[in-house]
Amino acid sequence: MDRVIYYRQIIKDILAEYHQLNEKSESTTESCLVFDEFHEQYLLLLIGWRHDERIKSVMIHIRLKDKKIWIEEDWTEEGIAADLLRKGILREEIVLAFHPPHVRQYTEFAIA
């Protein structure tokens, strides 16, 4: 199987799990999944209202770029990278893009 196709499926499965967790919770926000395979962008959005304040935020944003998984945004407790590692993705295939490029060398993951 093509690696990008494999990555897509793993990413969609992981985001669907987080989506289901939010749907089962007593949260006042609704989660929305956005999968754009053409542009290789995968998001979990939180939307809703807290009193009179509109809530809309990106909880998770992952994209596929240069045959690697780029984690652009991650507001999960343990981190999406841990989920990817459990699914068999290698550290060298994951970029923690939310860190500045000069800091990535100090992580255990790919620089770019």
N, C-alpha and C. Protein backbone atom coordinates (compact mmCIF):
# COMPACT_ATOMS: atom_id res chain seq x y z
N MET A 1 0.84 -1.18 0.00
CA MET A 1 0.00 0.00 0.00
C MET A 1 0.89 1.24 0.00
N ASP A 2 0.50 2.22 -0.78
CA ASP A 2 1.21 3.48 -0.84
C ASP A 2 1.25 4.11 0.56
N ARG A 3 2.40 4.63 0.93
CA ARG A 3 2.58 5.18 2.27
C ARG A 3 1.62 6.35 2.55
N VAL A 4 1.40 7.21 1.57
CA VAL A 4 0.50 8.36 1.77
C VAL A 4 -0.93 7.88 2.02
N ILE A 5 -1.36 6.88 1.28
CA ILE A 5 -2.71 6.33 1.49
C ILE A 5 -2.80 5.73 2.89
N TYR A 6 -1.76 5.04 3.31
CA TYR A 6 -1.71 4.46 4.65
C TYR A 6 -1.77 5.56 5.71
N TYR A 7 -0.98 6.62 5.54
CA TYR A 7 -1.00 7.75 6.48
C TYR A 7 -2.39 8.36 6.57
N ARG A 8 -3.02 8.59 5.40
CA ARG A 8 -4.36 9.18 5.38
C ARG A 8 -5.32 8.40 6.26
N GLN A 9 -5.32 7.09 6.09
CA GLN A 9 -6.27 6.26 6.82
C GLN A 9 -6.00 6.31 8.33
N ILE A 10 -4.74 6.24 8.71
CA ILE A 10 -4.41 6.31 10.14
C ILE A 10 -4.83 7.65 10.72
N ILE A 11 -4.54 8.74 10.02
CA ILE A 11 -4.91 10.07 10.50
C ILE A 11 -6.43 10.18 10.65
N LYS A 12 -7.17 9.73 9.65
CA LYS A 12 -8.62 9.80 9.72
C LYS A 12 -9.17 8.95 10.87
N ASP A 13 -8.59 7.79 11.08
CA ASP A 13 -9.03 6.93 12.18
C ASP A 13 -8.79 7.59 13.54
N ILE A 14 -7.61 8.17 13.71
CA ILE A 14 -7.28 8.82 14.98
C ILE A 14 -8.19 10.03 15.24
N LEU A 15 -8.37 10.86 14.21
CA LEU A 15 -9.24 12.03 14.39
C LEU A 15 -10.68 11.62 14.66
N ALA A 16 -11.13 10.53 14.02
CA ALA A 16 -12.49 10.04 14.28
C ALA A 16 -12.65 9.59 15.73
N GLU A 17 -11.61 9.01 16.30
CA GLU A 17 -11.66 8.60 17.71
C GLU A 17 -11.82 9.82 18.63
N TYR A 18 -11.06 10.88 18.36
CA TYR A 18 -11.19 12.10 19.17
C TYR A 18 -12.56 12.74 18.97
N HIS A 19 -13.06 12.70 17.76
CA HIS A 19 -14.39 13.23 17.46
C HIS A 19 -15.45 12.48 18.28
N GLN A 20 -15.37 11.17 18.31
CA GLN A 20 -16.32 10.37 19.07
C GLN A 20 -16.22 10.65 20.57
N LEU A 21 -15.00 10.83 21.07
CA LEU A 21 -14.83 11.17 22.49
C LEU A 21 -15.55 12.48 22.83
N ASN A 22 -15.42 13.46 21.96
CA ASN A 22 -16.07 14.75 22.21
C ASN A 22 -17.58 14.62 22.11
N GLU A 23 -18.06 13.83 21.18
CA GLU A 23 -19.50 13.65 21.03
C GLU A 23 -20.12 12.98 22.25
N LYS A 24 -19.36 12.11 22.91
CA LYS A 24 -19.86 11.40 24.09
C LYS A 24 -19.74 12.22 25.37
N SER A 25 -18.94 13.28 25.32
CA SER A 25 -18.71 14.07 26.53
C SER A 25 -19.87 15.04 26.76
N GLU A 26 -19.84 15.68 27.90
CA GLU A 26 -20.86 16.66 28.26
C GLU A 26 -20.45 18.06 27.81
N SER A 27 -19.57 18.14 26.85
CA SER A 27 -19.03 19.40 26.38
C SER A 27 -20.11 20.27 25.74
N THR A 28 -19.95 21.57 25.87
CA THR A 28 -20.88 22.50 25.22
C THR A 28 -20.45 22.79 23.79
N THR A 29 -19.32 22.23 23.38
CA THR A 29 -18.87 22.42 22.01
C THR A 29 -19.15 21.17 21.19
N GLU A 30 -19.29 21.37 19.92
CA GLU A 30 -19.49 20.29 18.96
C GLU A 30 -18.19 20.12 18.19
N SER A 31 -17.82 18.89 17.92
CA SER A 31 -16.61 18.69 17.13
C SER A 31 -17.00 18.42 15.68
N CYS A 32 -16.16 18.90 14.78
CA CYS A 32 -16.37 18.72 13.35
C CYS A 32 -15.08 18.21 12.73
N LEU A 33 -15.22 17.18 11.92
CA LEU A 33 -14.07 16.64 11.21
C LEU A 33 -14.01 17.26 9.82
N VAL A 34 -12.82 17.61 9.40
CA VAL A 34 -12.60 18.15 8.06
C VAL A 34 -11.46 17.37 7.43
N PHE A 35 -11.77 16.63 6.38
CA PHE A 35 -10.77 15.84 5.66
C PHE A 35 -10.69 16.36 4.23
N ASP A 36 -9.55 16.91 3.86
CA ASP A 36 -9.33 17.40 2.50
C ASP A 36 -8.17 16.61 1.90
N GLU A 37 -8.50 15.51 1.25
CA GLU A 37 -7.46 14.65 0.69
C GLU A 37 -6.76 15.29 -0.49
N PHE A 38 -7.43 16.18 -1.21
CA PHE A 38 -6.81 16.84 -2.36
C PHE A 38 -5.64 17.70 -1.91
N HIS A 39 -5.83 18.44 -0.81
CA HIS A 39 -4.78 19.32 -0.28
C HIS A 39 -4.04 18.69 0.90
N GLU A 40 -4.43 17.47 1.29
CA GLU A 40 -3.80 16.72 2.37
C GLU A 40 -3.84 17.47 3.71
N GLN A 41 -5.04 17.97 4.04
CA GLN A 41 -5.27 18.69 5.30
C GLN A 41 -6.34 17.93 6.08
N TYR A 42 -6.08 17.72 7.37
CA TYR A 42 -6.99 16.95 8.22
C TYR A 42 -7.15 17.69 9.55
N LEU A 43 -8.40 18.05 9.88
CA LEU A 43 -8.64 18.87 11.06
C LEU A 43 -9.77 18.33 11.93
N LEU A 44 -9.65 18.62 13.21
CA LEU A 44 -10.74 18.43 14.15
C LEU A 44 -11.01 19.81 14.74
N LEU A 45 -12.19 20.33 14.46
CA LEU A 45 -12.58 21.66 14.92
C LEU A 45 -13.55 21.54 16.08
N LEU A 46 -13.51 22.49 16.98
CA LEU A 46 -14.49 22.60 18.06
C LEU A 46 -15.27 23.89 17.84
N ILE A 47 -16.60 23.78 17.82
CA ILE A 47 -17.44 24.95 17.61
C ILE A 47 -18.61 24.91 18.59
N GLY A 48 -19.12 26.07 18.90
CA GLY A 48 -20.27 26.15 19.80
C GLY A 48 -20.33 27.49 20.50
N TRP A 49 -21.03 27.48 21.64
CA TRP A 49 -21.21 28.70 22.42
C TRP A 49 -20.93 28.42 23.89
N ARG A 50 -20.29 29.35 24.54
CA ARG A 50 -20.13 29.36 25.99
C ARG A 50 -20.73 30.68 26.45
N HIS A 51 -21.93 30.61 27.00
CA HIS A 51 -22.71 31.79 27.36
C HIS A 51 -22.92 32.61 26.09
N ASP A 52 -22.46 33.83 26.03
CA ASP A 52 -22.62 34.66 24.82
C ASP A 52 -21.35 34.70 23.97
N GLU A 53 -20.42 33.85 24.29
CA GLU A 53 -19.14 33.85 23.56
C GLU A 53 -19.11 32.71 22.54
N ARG A 54 -18.79 33.01 21.31
CA ARG A 54 -18.68 32.01 20.24
C ARG A 54 -17.35 31.28 20.39
N ILE A 55 -17.43 29.96 20.36
CA ILE A 55 -16.24 29.12 20.44
C ILE A 55 -16.02 28.50 19.07
N LYS A 56 -14.86 28.68 18.52
CA LYS A 56 -14.45 27.98 17.30
C LYS A 56 -12.94 27.91 17.32
N SER A 57 -12.46 26.69 17.39
CA SER A 57 -11.03 26.51 17.50
C SER A 57 -10.59 25.24 16.78
N VAL A 58 -9.35 25.24 16.42
CA VAL A 58 -8.74 24.06 15.81
C VAL A 58 -8.10 23.26 16.94
N MET A 59 -8.65 22.09 17.21
CA MET A 59 -8.07 21.22 18.24
C MET A 59 -6.88 20.45 17.66
N ILE A 60 -7.06 19.93 16.46
CA ILE A 60 -6.01 19.15 15.80
C ILE A 60 -5.96 19.55 14.33
N HIS A 61 -4.75 19.80 13.84
CA HIS A 61 -4.53 20.05 12.42
C HIS A 61 -3.31 19.25 12.00
N ILE A 62 -3.51 18.34 11.07
CA ILE A 62 -2.44 17.52 10.54
C ILE A 62 -2.44 17.67 9.03
N ARG A 63 -1.26 17.71 8.45
CA ARG A 63 -1.20 17.70 7.00
C ARG A 63 -0.10 16.75 6.54
N LEU A 64 -0.25 16.27 5.35
CA LEU A 64 0.77 15.42 4.74
C LEU A 64 1.57 16.29 3.78
N LYS A 65 2.87 16.28 3.98
CA LYS A 65 3.75 17.12 3.16
C LYS A 65 5.08 16.39 3.03
N ASP A 66 5.58 16.31 1.82
CA ASP A 66 6.88 15.68 1.56
C ASP A 66 6.95 14.27 2.14
N LYS A 67 5.84 13.54 2.03
CA LYS A 67 5.74 12.16 2.48
C LYS A 67 5.96 11.99 3.99
N LYS A 68 5.65 13.05 4.73
CA LYS A 68 5.72 13.01 6.19
C LYS A 68 4.42 13.54 6.77
N ILE A 69 4.20 13.24 8.03
CA ILE A 69 3.02 13.72 8.75
C ILE A 69 3.43 14.95 9.55
N TRP A 70 2.85 16.09 9.19
CA TRP A 70 3.15 17.35 9.85
C TRP A 70 2.03 17.67 10.83
N ILE A 71 2.34 17.71 12.11
CA ILE A 71 1.36 18.07 13.12
C ILE A 71 1.44 19.59 13.31
N GLU A 72 0.46 20.28 12.79
CA GLU A 72 0.45 21.75 12.80
C GLU A 72 -0.15 22.31 14.09
N GLU A 73 -1.14 21.61 14.63
CA GLU A 73 -1.83 22.06 15.84
C GLU A 73 -2.24 20.82 16.61
N ASP A 74 -2.05 20.84 17.91
CA ASP A 74 -2.40 19.67 18.72
C ASP A 74 -2.70 20.12 20.14
N TRP A 75 -3.98 20.12 20.49
CA TRP A 75 -4.41 20.50 21.83
C TRP A 75 -4.95 19.29 22.60
N THR A 76 -4.43 18.11 22.27
CA THR A 76 -4.84 16.92 23.01
C THR A 76 -3.95 16.77 24.23
N GLU A 77 -4.41 15.99 25.18
CA GLU A 77 -3.68 15.84 26.43
C GLU A 77 -2.34 15.14 26.25
N GLU A 78 -2.36 14.00 25.59
CA GLU A 78 -1.13 13.22 25.43
C GLU A 78 -0.34 13.61 24.18
N GLY A 79 -1.04 14.04 23.15
CA GLY A 79 -0.40 14.41 21.91
C GLY A 79 -0.67 13.40 20.81
N ILE A 80 -0.98 13.92 19.64
CA ILE A 80 -1.27 13.08 18.47
C ILE A 80 -0.06 12.25 18.08
N ALA A 81 1.13 12.77 18.29
CA ALA A 81 2.33 12.01 17.94
C ALA A 81 2.35 10.66 18.65
N ALA A 82 1.92 10.63 19.90
CA ALA A 82 1.87 9.36 20.66
C ALA A 82 0.90 8.38 20.00
N ASP A 83 -0.23 8.89 19.53
CA ASP A 83 -1.20 8.04 18.84
C ASP A 83 -0.61 7.49 17.54
N LEU A 84 0.09 8.34 16.81
CA LEU A 84 0.72 7.90 15.57
C LEU A 84 1.78 6.83 15.82
N LEU A 85 2.57 7.03 16.86
CA LEU A 85 3.60 6.04 17.21
C LEU A 85 2.97 4.70 17.55
N ARG A 86 1.87 4.72 18.29
CA ARG A 86 1.17 3.48 18.64
C ARG A 86 0.63 2.76 17.40
N LYS A 87 0.35 3.51 16.36
CA LYS A 87 -0.15 2.92 15.11
C LYS A 87 0.99 2.46 14.20
N GLY A 88 2.23 2.61 14.66
CA GLY A 88 3.37 2.11 13.89
C GLY A 88 4.08 3.13 13.02
N ILE A 89 3.71 4.38 13.12
CA ILE A 89 4.41 5.42 12.36
C ILE A 89 5.74 5.69 13.07
N LEU A 90 6.80 5.80 12.29
CA LEU A 90 8.13 6.04 12.85
C LEU A 90 8.31 7.52 13.21
N ARG A 91 9.14 7.78 14.21
CA ARG A 91 9.43 9.16 14.64
C ARG A 91 9.98 10.00 13.48
N GLU A 92 10.75 9.37 12.60
CA GLU A 92 11.36 10.08 11.46
C GLU A 92 10.32 10.50 10.43
N GLU A 93 9.11 10.01 10.56
CA GLU A 93 8.05 10.32 9.60
C GLU A 93 7.08 11.37 10.15
N ILE A 94 7.34 11.87 11.35
CA ILE A 94 6.46 12.83 12.02
C ILE A 94 7.22 14.13 12.27
N VAL A 95 6.63 15.24 11.86
CA VAL A 95 7.21 16.56 12.10
C VAL A 95 6.30 17.30 13.07
N LEU A 96 6.86 17.76 14.17
CA LEU A 96 6.10 18.59 15.12
C LEU A 96 6.16 20.03 14.64
N ALA A 97 5.33 20.34 13.65
CA ALA A 97 5.40 21.63 12.96
C ALA A 97 4.97 22.80 13.83
N PHE A 98 4.34 22.52 14.97
CA PHE A 98 3.96 23.61 15.87
C PHE A 98 5.17 24.17 16.61
N HIS A 99 6.30 23.47 16.54
CA HIS A 99 7.56 23.99 17.08
C HIS A 99 8.29 24.77 15.99
N PRO A 100 8.97 25.86 16.33
CA PRO A 100 9.76 26.58 15.33
C PRO A 100 10.83 25.66 14.74
N PRO A 101 11.20 25.87 13.48
CA PRO A 101 12.18 24.98 12.84
C PRO A 101 13.48 24.82 13.63
N HIS A 102 13.97 25.87 14.26
CA HIS A 102 15.24 25.77 14.99
C HIS A 102 15.12 24.95 16.29
N VAL A 103 13.91 24.71 16.76
CA VAL A 103 13.69 23.93 17.98
C VAL A 103 13.49 22.45 17.68
N ARG A 104 13.03 22.14 16.47
CA ARG A 104 12.69 20.75 16.13
C ARG A 104 13.87 19.79 16.26
N GLN A 105 15.08 20.29 16.11
CA GLN A 105 16.25 19.42 16.24
C GLN A 105 16.39 18.83 17.64
N TYR A 106 15.75 19.45 18.60
CA TYR A 106 15.84 18.99 19.99
C TYR A 106 14.71 18.01 20.36
N THR A 107 13.79 17.77 19.42
CA THR A 107 12.73 16.80 19.66
C THR A 107 13.22 15.45 19.16
N GLU A 108 12.47 14.42 19.44
CA GLU A 108 12.82 13.08 18.98
C GLU A 108 12.20 12.78 17.62
N PHE A 109 11.71 13.81 16.95
CA PHE A 109 10.98 13.63 15.70
C PHE A 109 11.73 14.28 14.54
N ALA A 110 11.17 14.14 13.34
CA ALA A 110 11.80 14.69 12.14
C ALA A 110 11.88 16.21 12.22
N ILE A 111 12.89 16.77 11.60
CA ILE A 111 13.07 18.22 11.57
C ILE A 111 12.15 18.83 10.50
N ALA A 112 12.08 18.18 9.36
CA ALA A 112 11.21 18.60 8.25
C ALA A 112 11.16 17.52 7.20
